[in-house]
């Protein structure tokens, strides 16, 4: 039997945590059905929460504007993106969204 890599194990446990959250079952019942030790489930659930807090979808937050949207093409105007860790990214307002995405992934 082939050994499972740590990455595969983590992926599988995170899938199970997602299944549990959608199931509506208690942890105890879910773990019994999946043949997982409750302590192991708690470990992976905690690990999943830590990862999602540090790099999950929370990195992006919706931005609401107060009224009509205007397209600004004036050079010299910038948007500043500030990350929770203090890093700031200043980009021209007319930069393509795809370029911003690329810059975000480089940081």
C-alpha atoms as a PDB file:
ATOM      1  CA  UNK A   1       0.000   0.000   0.000  1.00  0.00           C
ATOM      2  CA  UNK A   2       1.337   3.425  -1.011  1.00  0.00           C
ATOM      3  CA  UNK A   3       1.920   5.995   1.716  1.00  0.00           C
ATOM      4  CA  UNK A   4      -0.039   9.230   1.598  1.00  0.00           C
ATOM      5  CA  UNK A   5       1.958  12.442   1.441  1.00  0.00           C
ATOM      6  CA  UNK A   6       1.411  15.102   4.088  1.00  0.00           C
ATOM      7  CA  UNK A   7      -0.095  17.384   1.459  1.00  0.00           C
ATOM      8  CA  UNK A   8      -2.563  14.694   0.352  1.00  0.00           C
ATOM      9  CA  UNK A   9      -3.523  14.012   3.976  1.00  0.00           C
ATOM     10  CA  UNK A  10      -4.083  17.707   4.615  1.00  0.00           C
ATOM     11  CA  UNK A  11      -6.179  18.063   1.463  1.00  0.00           C
ATOM     12  CA  UNK A  12      -8.312  15.054   2.423  1.00  0.00           C
ATOM     13  CA  UNK A  13      -8.871  16.276   5.987  1.00  0.00           C
ATOM     14  CA  UNK A  14      -9.828  19.775   4.787  1.00  0.00           C
ATOM     15  CA  UNK A  15     -12.328  18.154   2.416  1.00  0.00           C
ATOM     16  CA  UNK A  16     -13.803  16.234   5.328  1.00  0.00           C
ATOM     17  CA  UNK A  17     -14.052  19.427   7.386  1.00  0.00           C
ATOM     18  CA  UNK A  18     -15.977  21.059   4.541  1.00  0.00           C
ATOM     19  CA  UNK A  19     -18.259  18.014   4.350  1.00  0.00           C
ATOM     20  CA  UNK A  20     -18.825  18.180   8.111  1.00  0.00           C
ATOM     21  CA  UNK A  21     -19.780  21.864   7.948  1.00  0.00           C
ATOM     22  CA  UNK A  22     -22.376  21.132   5.266  1.00  0.00           C
ATOM     23  CA  UNK A  23     -23.653  17.973   6.981  1.00  0.00           C
ATOM     24  CA  UNK A  24     -25.472  19.511   9.925  1.00  0.00           C
ATOM     25  CA  UNK A  25     -24.253  16.607  12.092  1.00  0.00           C
ATOM     26  CA  UNK A  26     -22.415  16.786  15.377  1.00  0.00           C
ATOM     27  CA  UNK A  27     -18.648  16.268  15.308  1.00  0.00           C
ATOM     28  CA  UNK A  28     -19.021  13.028  17.205  1.00  0.00           C
ATOM     29  CA  UNK A  29     -21.554  11.512  14.774  1.00  0.00           C
ATOM     30  CA  UNK A  30     -19.627  12.721  11.721  1.00  0.00           C
ATOM     31  CA  UNK A  31     -16.329  11.307  13.012  1.00  0.00           C
ATOM     32  CA  UNK A  32     -17.934   7.957  13.840  1.00  0.00           C
ATOM     33  CA  UNK A  33     -19.374   7.742  10.326  1.00  0.00           C
ATOM     34  CA  UNK A  34     -16.028   8.675   8.759  1.00  0.00           C
ATOM     35  CA  UNK A  35     -14.028   6.450  11.136  1.00  0.00           C
ATOM     36  CA  UNK A  36     -11.920   9.386  12.342  1.00  0.00           C
ATOM     37  CA  UNK A  37     -10.764   9.927  15.912  1.00  0.00           C
ATOM     38  CA  UNK A  38     -12.449  12.994  17.375  1.00  0.00           C
ATOM     39  CA  UNK A  39      -9.079  14.328  18.567  1.00  0.00           C
ATOM     40  CA  UNK A  40      -7.674  14.033  15.035  1.00  0.00           C
ATOM     41  CA  UNK A  41     -10.692  15.888  13.654  1.00  0.00           C
ATOM     42  CA  UNK A  42     -10.247  18.700  16.201  1.00  0.00           C
ATOM     43  CA  UNK A  43      -6.556  18.960  15.249  1.00  0.00           C
ATOM     44  CA  UNK A  44      -7.307  19.328  11.542  1.00  0.00           C
ATOM     45  CA  UNK A  45     -10.223  21.683  12.137  1.00  0.00           C
ATOM     46  CA  UNK A  46      -7.981  23.964  14.192  1.00  0.00           C
ATOM     47  CA  UNK A  47      -5.266  23.773  11.516  1.00  0.00           C
ATOM     48  CA  UNK A  48      -7.804  24.646   8.809  1.00  0.00           C
ATOM     49  CA  UNK A  49      -8.987  27.685  10.780  1.00  0.00           C
ATOM     50  CA  UNK A  50      -5.418  28.900  11.318  1.00  0.00           C
ATOM     51  CA  UNK A  51      -4.641  28.642   7.615  1.00  0.00           C
ATOM     52  CA  UNK A  52      -7.846  30.364   6.540  1.00  0.00           C
ATOM     53  CA  UNK A  53      -7.192  33.223   8.999  1.00  0.00           C
ATOM     54  CA  UNK A  54      -3.692  33.749   7.586  1.00  0.00           C
ATOM     55  CA  UNK A  55      -4.220  33.293   3.861  1.00  0.00           C
ATOM     56  CA  UNK A  56      -7.794  32.526   3.135  1.00  0.00           C
ATOM     57  CA  UNK A  57     -10.408  34.431   1.210  1.00  0.00           C
ATOM     58  CA  UNK A  58     -10.379  37.098   3.879  1.00  0.00           C
ATOM     59  CA  UNK A  59      -7.522  38.769   2.034  1.00  0.00           C
ATOM     60  CA  UNK A  60     -10.034  40.375  -0.283  1.00  0.00           C
ATOM     61  CA  UNK A  61     -12.851  42.468   1.053  1.00  0.00           C
ATOM     62  CA  UNK A  62     -15.613  44.113  -0.944  1.00  0.00           C
ATOM     63  CA  UNK A  63     -15.235  47.827  -1.459  1.00  0.00           C
ATOM     64  CA  UNK A  64     -18.381  49.935  -1.638  1.00  0.00           C
ATOM     65  CA  UNK A  65     -18.396  53.309  -3.279  1.00  0.00           C
ATOM     66  CA  UNK A  66     -20.718  56.100  -2.309  1.00  0.00           C
ATOM     67  CA  UNK A  67     -22.796  56.581  -5.426  1.00  0.00           C
ATOM     68  CA  UNK A  68     -22.033  56.484  -9.133  1.00  0.00           C
ATOM     69  CA  UNK A  69     -18.868  54.900 -10.408  1.00  0.00           C
ATOM     70  CA  UNK A  70     -16.605  57.143 -12.456  1.00  0.00           C
ATOM     71  CA  UNK A  71     -13.819  56.034 -14.712  1.00  0.00           C
ATOM     72  CA  UNK A  72     -10.733  58.080 -13.977  1.00  0.00           C
ATOM     73  CA  UNK A  73      -8.056  58.146 -16.629  1.00  0.00           C
ATOM     74  CA  UNK A  74      -5.991  60.911 -15.119  1.00  0.00           C
ATOM     75  CA  UNK A  75      -2.282  60.076 -14.749  1.00  0.00           C
ATOM     76  CA  UNK A  76      -0.850  60.641 -11.309  1.00  0.00           C
ATOM     77  CA  UNK A  77      -3.832  59.245  -9.420  1.00  0.00           C
ATOM     78  CA  UNK A  78      -3.257  56.044  -7.464  1.00  0.00           C
ATOM     79  CA  UNK A  79      -5.045  53.389  -5.495  1.00  0.00           C
ATOM     80  CA  UNK A  80      -3.269  52.087  -2.409  1.00  0.00           C
ATOM     81  CA  UNK A  81      -3.882  48.503  -1.336  1.00  0.00           C
ATOM     82  CA  UNK A  82      -2.796  47.886   2.240  1.00  0.00           C
ATOM     83  CA  UNK A  83      -2.391  44.344   3.556  1.00  0.00           C
ATOM     84  CA  UNK A  84      -2.944  43.329   7.202  1.00  0.00           C
ATOM     85  CA  UNK A  85       0.807  42.727   7.573  1.00  0.00           C
ATOM     86  CA  UNK A  86       1.500  46.405   6.793  1.00  0.00           C
ATOM     87  CA  UNK A  87       2.661  46.005   3.185  1.00  0.00           C
ATOM     88  CA  UNK A  88       1.218  48.674   0.879  1.00  0.00           C
ATOM     89  CA  UNK A  89       0.869  48.493  -2.882  1.00  0.00           C
ATOM     90  CA  UNK A  90       0.366  51.760  -4.778  1.00  0.00           C
ATOM     91  CA  UNK A  91      -0.880  51.353  -8.348  1.00  0.00           C
ATOM     92  CA  UNK A  92      -2.217  53.773 -10.973  1.00  0.00           C
ATOM     93  CA  UNK A  93      -6.024  53.913 -11.075  1.00  0.00           C
ATOM     94  CA  UNK A  94      -6.111  52.840 -14.724  1.00  0.00           C
ATOM     95  CA  UNK A  95      -4.044  49.675 -14.268  1.00  0.00           C
ATOM     96  CA  UNK A  96      -5.717  46.516 -15.647  1.00  0.00           C
ATOM     97  CA  UNK A  97      -7.296  44.292 -12.995  1.00  0.00           C
ATOM     98  CA  UNK A  98      -5.293  41.268 -14.228  1.00  0.00           C
ATOM     99  CA  UNK A  99      -2.060  43.144 -13.518  1.00  0.00           C
ATOM    100  CA  UNK A 100      -3.217  43.908  -9.984  1.00  0.00           C
ATOM    101  CA  UNK A 101      -3.959  40.204  -9.503  1.00  0.00           C
ATOM    102  CA  UNK A 102      -0.464  39.307 -10.651  1.00  0.00           C
ATOM    103  CA  UNK A 103       1.099  41.857  -8.304  1.00  0.00           C
ATOM    104  CA  UNK A 104      -0.951  40.589  -5.382  1.00  0.00           C
ATOM    105  CA  UNK A 105       0.257  37.032  -5.917  1.00  0.00           C
ATOM    106  CA  UNK A 106       3.878  38.198  -6.040  1.00  0.00           C
ATOM    107  CA  UNK A 107       3.705  39.783  -2.590  1.00  0.00           C
END
